[in-house]
Amino acid sequence: MTGPLAQEIRTLLTAAFAPTRLDVINDSAHHHGHAGHDGSGESHFTVEIESARFAGQSRLQRQRLVIAALGDIPGQRVHALAIRARAPGE
């Protein structure tokens, strides 16, 4: 089952990047009892995204684009966010 925050992440990234692949993985259960685990069940995520928008961008530029598209989610509403951003064919 996908929680509301995971769904919001998916919606924002789909609108910003029109991805050819997008997986929003909730890693929160693996961090139970660790720093940043707030009990909401949506504190730690991995995003795997493939989009033509990332072609010619460095890894850091890609991560900055994803973070910008997510607004206040990283660092404020989510404790940890791992990003794997690729262009098609990579």
PDB file of N, CA and C in Angstrom:
ATOM      1  N   MET A   1       0.835  -1.188   0.000  1.00  0.00           N
ATOM      2  CA  MET A   1       0.000   0.000   0.000  1.00  0.00           C
ATOM      3  C   MET A   1       0.875   1.244   0.000  1.00  0.00           C
ATOM      4  N   THR A   2       0.515   2.223  -0.784  1.00  0.00           N
ATOM      5  CA  THR A   2       1.274   3.458  -0.899  1.00  0.00           C
ATOM      6  C   THR A   2       0.640   4.523  -0.021  1.00  0.00           C
ATOM      7  N   GLY A   3       1.473   5.145   0.823  1.00  0.00           N
ATOM      8  CA  GLY A   3       0.978   6.194   1.698  1.00  0.00           C
ATOM      9  C   GLY A   3       0.821   7.512   0.961  1.00  0.00           C
ATOM     10  N   PRO A   4       0.225   8.499   1.629  1.00  0.00           N
ATOM     11  CA  PRO A   4      -0.036   9.787   0.982  1.00  0.00           C
ATOM     12  C   PRO A   4       1.234  10.545   0.594  1.00  0.00           C
ATOM     13  N   LEU A   5       2.282  10.442   1.389  1.00  0.00           N
ATOM     14  CA  LEU A   5       3.510  11.151   1.051  1.00  0.00           C
ATOM     15  C   LEU A   5       4.202  10.505  -0.154  1.00  0.00           C
ATOM     16  N   ALA A   6       4.223   9.193  -0.195  1.00  0.00           N
ATOM     17  CA  ALA A   6       4.799   8.492  -1.356  1.00  0.00           C
ATOM     18  C   ALA A   6       4.025   8.857  -2.619  1.00  0.00           C
ATOM     19  N   GLN A   7       2.718   8.940  -2.510  1.00  0.00           N
ATOM     20  CA  GLN A   7       1.891   9.303  -3.663  1.00  0.00           C
ATOM     21  C   GLN A   7       2.181  10.739  -4.103  1.00  0.00           C
ATOM     22  N   GLU A   8       2.369  11.632  -3.135  1.00  0.00           N
ATOM     23  CA  GLU A   8       2.694  13.024  -3.462  1.00  0.00           C
ATOM     24  C   GLU A   8       4.043  13.118  -4.171  1.00  0.00           C
ATOM     25  N   ILE A   9       5.021  12.354  -3.702  1.00  0.00           N
ATOM     26  CA  ILE A   9       6.336  12.321  -4.348  1.00  0.00           C
ATOM     27  C   ILE A   9       6.175  11.865  -5.795  1.00  0.00           C
ATOM     28  N   ARG A  10       5.428  10.790  -5.994  1.00  0.00           N
ATOM     29  CA  ARG A  10       5.202  10.247  -7.347  1.00  0.00           C
ATOM     30  C   ARG A  10       4.525  11.289  -8.248  1.00  0.00           C
ATOM     31  N   THR A  11       3.524  11.968  -7.738  1.00  0.00           N
ATOM     32  CA  THR A  11       2.788  12.968  -8.510  1.00  0.00           C
ATOM     33  C   THR A  11       3.693  14.130  -8.905  1.00  0.00           C
ATOM     34  N   LEU A  12       4.471  14.639  -7.956  1.00  0.00           N
ATOM     35  CA  LEU A  12       5.364  15.773  -8.237  1.00  0.00           C
ATOM     36  C   LEU A  12       6.432  15.410  -9.259  1.00  0.00           C
ATOM     37  N   LEU A  13       7.023  14.229  -9.118  1.00  0.00           N
ATOM     38  CA  LEU A  13       8.088  13.826 -10.041  1.00  0.00           C
ATOM     39  C   LEU A  13       7.547  13.516 -11.430  1.00  0.00           C
ATOM     40  N   THR A  14       6.357  12.954 -11.503  1.00  0.00           N
ATOM     41  CA  THR A  14       5.738  12.690 -12.798  1.00  0.00           C
ATOM     42  C   THR A  14       5.464  14.000 -13.525  1.00  0.00           C
ATOM     43  N   ALA A  15       4.959  14.989 -12.810  1.00  0.00           N
ATOM     44  CA  ALA A  15       4.671  16.292 -13.418  1.00  0.00           C
ATOM     45  C   ALA A  15       5.945  16.993 -13.870  1.00  0.00           C
ATOM     46  N   ALA A  16       7.014  16.891 -13.106  1.00  0.00           N
ATOM     47  CA  ALA A  16       8.244  17.622 -13.405  1.00  0.00           C
ATOM     48  C   ALA A  16       9.095  16.960 -14.488  1.00  0.00           C
ATOM     49  N   PHE A  17       9.066  15.616 -14.560  1.00  0.00           N
ATOM     50  CA  PHE A  17      10.034  14.929 -15.419  1.00  0.00           C
ATOM     51  C   PHE A  17       9.432  14.009 -16.474  1.00  0.00           C
ATOM     52  N   ALA A  18       8.140  13.762 -16.465  1.00  0.00           N
ATOM     53  CA  ALA A  18       7.526  12.804 -17.396  1.00  0.00           C
ATOM     54  C   ALA A  18       8.408  11.556 -17.520  1.00  0.00           C
ATOM     55  N   PRO A  19       8.668  10.888 -16.406  1.00  0.00           N
ATOM     56  CA  PRO A  19       9.639   9.786 -16.422  1.00  0.00           C
ATOM     57  C   PRO A  19       9.185   8.576 -17.233  1.00  0.00           C
ATOM     58  N   THR A  20      10.181   7.887 -17.791  1.00  0.00           N
ATOM     59  CA  THR A  20       9.927   6.632 -18.472  1.00  0.00           C
ATOM     60  C   THR A  20       9.926   5.495 -17.455  1.00  0.00           C
ATOM     61  N   ARG A  21      10.472   5.758 -16.285  1.00  0.00           N
ATOM     62  CA  ARG A  21      10.463   4.797 -15.163  1.00  0.00           C
ATOM     63  C   ARG A  21      10.484   5.598 -13.874  1.00  0.00           C
ATOM     64  N   LEU A  22       9.676   5.188 -12.918  1.00  0.00           N
ATOM     65  CA  LEU A  22       9.656   5.855 -11.617  1.00  0.00           C
ATOM     66  C   LEU A  22       9.250   4.857 -10.552  1.00  0.00           C
ATOM     67  N   ASP A  23      10.135   4.661  -9.590  1.00  0.00           N
ATOM     68  CA  ASP A  23       9.838   3.836  -8.421  1.00  0.00           C
ATOM     69  C   ASP A  23      10.060   4.689  -7.185  1.00  0.00           C
ATOM     70  N   VAL A  24       9.059   4.769  -6.344  1.00  0.00           N
ATOM     71  CA  VAL A  24       9.165   5.455  -5.054  1.00  0.00           C
ATOM     72  C   VAL A  24       9.082   4.355  -4.003  1.00  0.00           C
ATOM     73  N   ILE A  25      10.203   4.095  -3.356  1.00  0.00           N
ATOM     74  CA  ILE A  25      10.318   2.968  -2.437  1.00  0.00           C
ATOM     75  C   ILE A  25      10.357   3.497  -1.005  1.00  0.00           C
ATOM     76  N   ASN A  26       9.434   3.030  -0.196  1.00  0.00           N
ATOM     77  CA  ASN A  26       9.374   3.438   1.201  1.00  0.00           C
ATOM     78  C   ASN A  26      10.307   2.529   2.003  1.00  0.00           C
ATOM     79  N   ASP A  27      11.401   3.118   2.502  1.00  0.00           N
ATOM     80  CA  ASP A  27      12.404   2.387   3.281  1.00  0.00           C
ATOM     81  C   ASP A  27      12.207   2.565   4.781  1.00  0.00           C
ATOM     82  N   SER A  28      11.141   3.199   5.191  1.00  0.00           N
ATOM     83  CA  SER A  28      10.953   3.585   6.590  1.00  0.00           C
ATOM     84  C   SER A  28      11.009   2.406   7.558  1.00  0.00           C
ATOM     85  N   ALA A  29      10.448   1.281   7.194  1.00  0.00           N
ATOM     86  CA  ALA A  29      10.427   0.127   8.093  1.00  0.00           C
ATOM     87  C   ALA A  29      11.833  -0.343   8.451  1.00  0.00           C
ATOM     88  N   HIS A  30      12.788  -0.108   7.567  1.00  0.00           N
ATOM     89  CA  HIS A  30      14.172  -0.505   7.818  1.00  0.00           C
ATOM     90  C   HIS A  30      14.868   0.421   8.817  1.00  0.00           C
ATOM     91  N   HIS A  31      14.235   1.531   9.148  1.00  0.00           N
ATOM     92  CA  HIS A  31      14.848   2.540  10.012  1.00  0.00           C
ATOM     93  C   HIS A  31      14.101   2.712  11.325  1.00  0.00           C
ATOM     94  N   HIS A  32      13.232   1.775  11.649  1.00  0.00           N
ATOM     95  CA  HIS A  32      12.469   1.856  12.895  1.00  0.00           C
ATOM     96  C   HIS A  32      13.430   1.969  14.084  1.00  0.00           C
ATOM     97  N   GLY A  33      13.227   2.977  14.893  1.00  0.00           N
ATOM     98  CA  GLY A  33      14.078   3.190  16.062  1.00  0.00           C
ATOM     99  C   GLY A  33      15.321   4.007  15.790  1.00  0.00           C
ATOM    100  N   HIS A  34      15.585   4.341  14.548  1.00  0.00           N
ATOM    101  CA  HIS A  34      16.750   5.156  14.195  1.00  0.00           C
ATOM    102  C   HIS A  34      16.385   6.627  14.207  1.00  0.00           C
ATOM    103  N   ALA A  35      17.396   7.472  14.146  1.00  0.00           N
ATOM    104  CA  ALA A  35      17.177   8.921  14.073  1.00  0.00           C
ATOM    105  C   ALA A  35      16.324   9.254  12.860  1.00  0.00           C
ATOM    106  N   GLY A  36      15.376  10.143  13.047  1.00  0.00           N
ATOM    107  CA  GLY A  36      14.543  10.585  11.944  1.00  0.00           C
ATOM    108  C   GLY A  36      13.312   9.746  11.715  1.00  0.00           C
ATOM    109  N   HIS A  37      13.238   8.575  12.333  1.00  0.00           N
ATOM    110  CA  HIS A  37      12.042   7.749  12.181  1.00  0.00           C
ATOM    111  C   HIS A  37      10.973   8.349  13.076  1.00  0.00           C
ATOM    112  N   ASP A  38       9.945   8.926  12.479  1.00  0.00           N
ATOM    113  CA  ASP A  38       8.949   9.686  13.230  1.00  0.00           C
ATOM    114  C   ASP A  38       7.677   8.905  13.547  1.00  0.00           C
ATOM    115  N   GLY A  39       7.652   7.643  13.200  1.00  0.00           N
ATOM    116  CA  GLY A  39       6.476   6.835  13.482  1.00  0.00           C
ATOM    117  C   GLY A  39       5.376   6.955  12.433  1.00  0.00           C
ATOM    118  N   SER A  40       5.535   7.840  11.462  1.00  0.00           N
ATOM    119  CA  SER A  40       4.508   8.037  10.433  1.00  0.00           C
ATOM    120  C   SER A  40       4.490   6.904   9.413  1.00  0.00           C
ATOM    121  N   GLY A  41       5.580   6.171   9.344  1.00  0.00           N
ATOM    122  CA  GLY A  41       5.702   5.142   8.320  1.00  0.00           C
ATOM    123  C   GLY A  41       6.155   5.687   6.983  1.00  0.00           C
ATOM    124  N   GLU A  42       6.434   7.000   6.940  1.00  0.00           N
ATOM    125  CA  GLU A  42       6.898   7.636   5.697  1.00  0.00           C
ATOM    126  C   GLU A  42       8.003   8.645   6.012  1.00  0.00           C
ATOM    127  N   SER A  43       9.133   8.143   6.502  1.00  0.00           N
ATOM    128  CA  SER A  43      10.239   9.026   6.878  1.00  0.00           C
ATOM    129  C   SER A  43      11.485   8.830   6.022  1.00  0.00           C
ATOM    130  N   HIS A  44      11.615   7.682   5.365  1.00  0.00           N
ATOM    131  CA  HIS A  44      12.792   7.347   4.571  1.00  0.00           C
ATOM    132  C   HIS A  44      12.341   6.775   3.227  1.00  0.00           C
ATOM    133  N   PHE A  45      12.869   7.336   2.139  1.00  0.00           N
ATOM    134  CA  PHE A  45      12.491   6.879   0.800  1.00  0.00           C
ATOM    135  C   PHE A  45      13.698   6.745  -0.112  1.00  0.00           C
ATOM    136  N   THR A  46      13.559   5.882  -1.105  1.00  0.00           N
ATOM    137  CA  THR A  46      14.470   5.808  -2.240  1.00  0.00           C
ATOM    138  C   THR A  46      13.637   6.109  -3.479  1.00  0.00           C
ATOM    139  N   VAL A  47      14.147   6.997  -4.318  1.00  0.00           N
ATOM    140  CA  VAL A  47      13.494   7.322  -5.585  1.00  0.00           C
ATOM    141  C   VAL A  47      14.413   6.857  -6.705  1.00  0.00           C
ATOM    142  N   GLU A  48      13.884   6.021  -7.582  1.00  0.00           N
ATOM    143  CA  GLU A  48      14.591   5.599  -8.786  1.00  0.00           C
ATOM    144  C   GLU A  48      13.801   6.156  -9.952  1.00  0.00           C
ATOM    145  N   ILE A  49      14.435   7.043 -10.709  1.00  0.00           N
ATOM    146  CA  ILE A  49      13.727   7.746 -11.774  1.00  0.00           C
ATOM    147  C   ILE A  49      14.575   7.776 -13.041  1.00  0.00           C
ATOM    148  N   GLU A  50      13.915   7.561 -14.164  1.00  0.00           N
ATOM    149  CA  GLU A  50      14.556   7.643 -15.473  1.00  0.00           C
ATOM    150  C   GLU A  50      13.767   8.649 -16.303  1.00  0.00           C
ATOM    151  N   SER A  51      14.491   9.643 -16.829  1.00  0.00           N
ATOM    152  CA  SER A  51      13.833  10.675 -17.627  1.00  0.00           C
ATOM    153  C   SER A  51      14.810  11.251 -18.643  1.00  0.00           C
ATOM    154  N   ALA A  52      14.292  11.592 -19.807  1.00  0.00           N
ATOM    155  CA  ALA A  52      15.111  12.244 -20.833  1.00  0.00           C
ATOM    156  C   ALA A  52      15.646  13.587 -20.329  1.00  0.00           C
ATOM    157  N   ARG A  53      14.984  14.167 -19.358  1.00  0.00           N
ATOM    158  CA  ARG A  53      15.398  15.454 -18.793  1.00  0.00           C
ATOM    159  C   ARG A  53      16.781  15.380 -18.154  1.00  0.00           C
ATOM    160  N   PHE A  54      17.224  14.190 -17.790  1.00  0.00           N
ATOM    161  CA  PHE A  54      18.520  14.028 -17.127  1.00  0.00           C
ATOM    162  C   PHE A  54      19.680  13.861 -18.108  1.00  0.00           C
ATOM    163  N   ALA A  55      19.396  13.739 -19.390  1.00  0.00           N
ATOM    164  CA  ALA A  55      20.463  13.577 -20.390  1.00  0.00           C
ATOM    165  C   ALA A  55      21.398  14.776 -20.340  1.00  0.00           C
ATOM    166  N   GLY A  56      22.682  14.494 -20.296  1.00  0.00           N
ATOM    167  CA  GLY A  56      23.688  15.549 -20.287  1.00  0.00           C
ATOM    168  C   GLY A  56      23.889  16.219 -18.935  1.00  0.00           C
ATOM    169  N   GLN A  57      23.169  15.766 -17.908  1.00  0.00           N
ATOM    170  CA  GLN A  57      23.300  16.341 -16.566  1.00  0.00           C
ATOM    171  C   GLN A  57      24.211  15.458 -15.716  1.00  0.00           C
ATOM    172  N   SER A  58      24.970  16.084 -14.845  1.00  0.00           N
ATOM    173  CA  SER A  58      25.804  15.319 -13.910  1.00  0.00           C
ATOM    174  C   SER A  58      24.918  14.703 -12.824  1.00  0.00           C
ATOM    175  N   ARG A  59      25.471  13.771 -12.081  1.00  0.00           N
ATOM    176  CA  ARG A  59      24.732  13.149 -10.990  1.00  0.00           C
ATOM    177  C   ARG A  59      24.245  14.186  -9.993  1.00  0.00           C
ATOM    178  N   LEU A  60      25.091  15.132  -9.653  1.00  0.00           N
ATOM    179  CA  LEU A  60      24.725  16.183  -8.710  1.00  0.00           C
ATOM    180  C   LEU A  60      23.615  17.073  -9.272  1.00  0.00           C
ATOM    181  N   GLN A  61      23.715  17.438 -10.543  1.00  0.00           N
ATOM    182  CA  GLN A  61      22.660  18.258 -11.170  1.00  0.00           C
ATOM    183  C   GLN A  61      21.324  17.527 -11.165  1.00  0.00           C
ATOM    184  N   ARG A  62      21.357  16.236 -11.426  1.00  0.00           N
ATOM    185  CA  ARG A  62      20.137  15.433 -11.430  1.00  0.00           C
ATOM    186  C   ARG A  62      19.502  15.414 -10.043  1.00  0.00           C
ATOM    187  N   GLN A  63      20.330  15.211  -9.026  1.00  0.00           N
ATOM    188  CA  GLN A  63      19.809  15.189  -7.659  1.00  0.00           C
ATOM    189  C   GLN A  63      19.221  16.544  -7.271  1.00  0.00           C
ATOM    190  N   ARG A  64      19.871  17.607  -7.674  1.00  0.00           N
ATOM    191  CA  ARG A  64      19.346  18.947  -7.375  1.00  0.00           C
ATOM    192  C   ARG A  64      18.002  19.189  -8.059  1.00  0.00           C
ATOM    193  N   LEU A  65      17.860  18.718  -9.295  1.00  0.00           N
ATOM    194  CA  LEU A  65      16.588  18.859 -10.012  1.00  0.00           C
ATOM    195  C   LEU A  65      15.463  18.108  -9.292  1.00  0.00           C
ATOM    196  N   VAL A  66      15.754  16.895  -8.852  1.00  0.00           N
ATOM    197  CA  VAL A  66      14.747  16.097  -8.149  1.00  0.00           C
ATOM    198  C   VAL A  66      14.372  16.770  -6.829  1.00  0.00           C
ATOM    199  N   ILE A  67      15.361  17.201  -6.067  1.00  0.00           N
ATOM    200  CA  ILE A  67      15.090  17.856  -4.787  1.00  0.00           C
ATOM    201  C   ILE A  67      14.273  19.127  -4.990  1.00  0.00           C
ATOM    202  N   ALA A  68      14.602  19.904  -6.000  1.00  0.00           N
ATOM    203  CA  ALA A  68      13.848  21.138  -6.280  1.00  0.00           C
ATOM    204  C   ALA A  68      12.395  20.819  -6.635  1.00  0.00           C
ATOM    205  N   ALA A  69      12.175  19.750  -7.398  1.00  0.00           N
ATOM    206  CA  ALA A  69      10.815  19.374  -7.795  1.00  0.00           C
ATOM    207  C   ALA A  69       9.973  18.931  -6.600  1.00  0.00           C
ATOM    208  N   LEU A  70      10.633  18.471  -5.536  1.00  0.00           N
ATOM    209  CA  LEU A  70       9.911  17.962  -4.373  1.00  0.00           C
ATOM    210  C   LEU A  70       9.617  19.030  -3.320  1.00  0.00           C
ATOM    211  N   GLY A  71      10.076  20.247  -3.548  1.00  0.00           N
ATOM    212  CA  GLY A  71       9.740  21.347  -2.633  1.00  0.00           C
ATOM    213  C   GLY A  71      10.185  21.105  -1.207  1.00  0.00           C
ATOM    214  N   ASP A  72       9.233  21.161  -0.259  1.00  0.00           N
ATOM    215  CA  ASP A  72       9.580  21.053   1.158  1.00  0.00           C
ATOM    216  C   ASP A  72       9.640  19.608   1.660  1.00  0.00           C
ATOM    217  N   ILE A  73       9.492  18.645   0.794  1.00  0.00           N
ATOM    218  CA  ILE A  73       9.498  17.249   1.249  1.00  0.00           C
ATOM    219  C   ILE A  73      10.872  16.829   1.762  1.00  0.00           C
ATOM    220  N   PRO A  74      11.953  16.963   0.980  1.00  0.00           N
ATOM    221  CA  PRO A  74      13.254  16.532   1.497  1.00  0.00           C
ATOM    222  C   PRO A  74      13.717  17.433   2.651  1.00  0.00           C
ATOM    223  N   GLY A  75      14.113  16.787   3.734  1.00  0.00           N
ATOM    224  CA  GLY A  75      14.683  17.527   4.858  1.00  0.00           C
ATOM    225  C   GLY A  75      13.670  18.108   5.822  1.00  0.00           C
ATOM    226  N   GLN A  76      12.441  18.288   5.383  1.00  0.00           N
ATOM    227  CA  GLN A  76      11.420  18.830   6.277  1.00  0.00           C
ATOM    228  C   GLN A  76      10.338  17.799   6.565  1.00  0.00           C
ATOM    229  N   ARG A  77       9.810  17.194   5.522  1.00  0.00           N
ATOM    230  CA  ARG A  77       8.735  16.219   5.715  1.00  0.00           C
ATOM    231  C   ARG A  77       9.232  14.785   5.625  1.00  0.00           C
ATOM    232  N   VAL A  78      10.429  14.608   5.076  1.00  0.00           N
ATOM    233  CA  VAL A  78      11.070  13.297   4.975  1.00  0.00           C
ATOM    234  C   VAL A  78      12.470  13.433   5.546  1.00  0.00           C
ATOM    235  N   HIS A  79      12.838  12.496   6.398  1.00  0.00           N
ATOM    236  CA  HIS A  79      14.157  12.546   7.029  1.00  0.00           C
ATOM    237  C   HIS A  79      15.276  12.191   6.042  1.00  0.00           C
ATOM    238  N   ALA A  80      15.052  11.169   5.222  1.00  0.00           N
ATOM    239  CA  ALA A  80      16.105  10.708   4.318  1.00  0.00           C
ATOM    240  C   ALA A  80      15.515  10.364   2.950  1.00  0.00           C
ATOM    241  N   LEU A  81      16.233  10.778   1.909  1.00  0.00           N
ATOM    242  CA  LEU A  81      15.807  10.526   0.537  1.00  0.00           C
ATOM    243  C   LEU A  81      17.019  10.148  -0.294  1.00  0.00           C
ATOM    244  N   ALA A  82      17.049   8.904  -0.759  1.00  0.00           N
ATOM    245  CA  ALA A  82      18.093   8.444  -1.666  1.00  0.00           C
ATOM    246  C   ALA A  82      17.558   8.622  -3.085  1.00  0.00           C
ATOM    247  N   ILE A  83      18.392   9.152  -3.967  1.00  0.00           N
ATOM    248  CA  ILE A  83      17.962   9.448  -5.342  1.00  0.00           C
ATOM    249  C   ILE A  83      18.871   8.725  -6.332  1.00  0.00           C
ATOM    250  N   ARG A  84      18.249   7.962  -7.223  1.00  0.00           N
ATOM    251  CA  ARG A  84      18.967   7.340  -8.340  1.00  0.00           C
ATOM    252  C   ARG A  84      18.296   7.862  -9.607  1.00  0.00           C
ATOM    253  N   ALA A  85      18.905   8.848 -10.229  1.00  0.00           N
ATOM    254  CA  ALA A  85      18.324   9.485 -11.407  1.00  0.00           C
ATOM    255  C   ALA A  85      19.166   9.145 -12.636  1.00  0.00           C
ATOM    256  N   ARG A  86      18.503   8.658 -13.675  1.00  0.00           N
ATOM    257  CA  ARG A  86      19.198   8.254 -14.908  1.00  0.00           C
ATOM    258  C   ARG A  86      18.464   8.792 -16.126  1.00  0.00           C
ATOM    259  N   ALA A  87      19.210   8.913 -17.202  1.00  0.00           N
ATOM    260  CA  ALA A  87      18.611   9.213 -18.501  1.00  0.00           C
ATOM    261  C   ALA A  87      18.330   7.863 -19.183  1.00  0.00           C
ATOM    262  N   PRO A  88      17.387   7.806 -20.109  1.00  0.00           N
ATOM    263  CA  PRO A  88      17.118   6.544 -20.812  1.00  0.00           C
ATOM    264  C   PRO A  88      18.383   5.998 -21.458  1.00  0.00           C
ATOM    265  N   GLY A  89      18.553   4.679 -21.347  1.00  0.00           N
ATOM    266  CA  GLY A  89      19.704   4.023 -21.947  1.00  0.00           C
ATOM    267  C   GLY A  89      20.926   3.957 -21.055  1.00  0.00           C
ATOM    268  N   GLU A  90      20.858   4.540 -19.893  1.00  0.00           N
ATOM    269  CA  GLU A  90      22.020   4.478 -18.988  1.00  0.00           C
ATOM    270  C   GLU A  90      21.937   3.262 -18.088  1.00  0.00           C
TER     271      GLU A  90
END
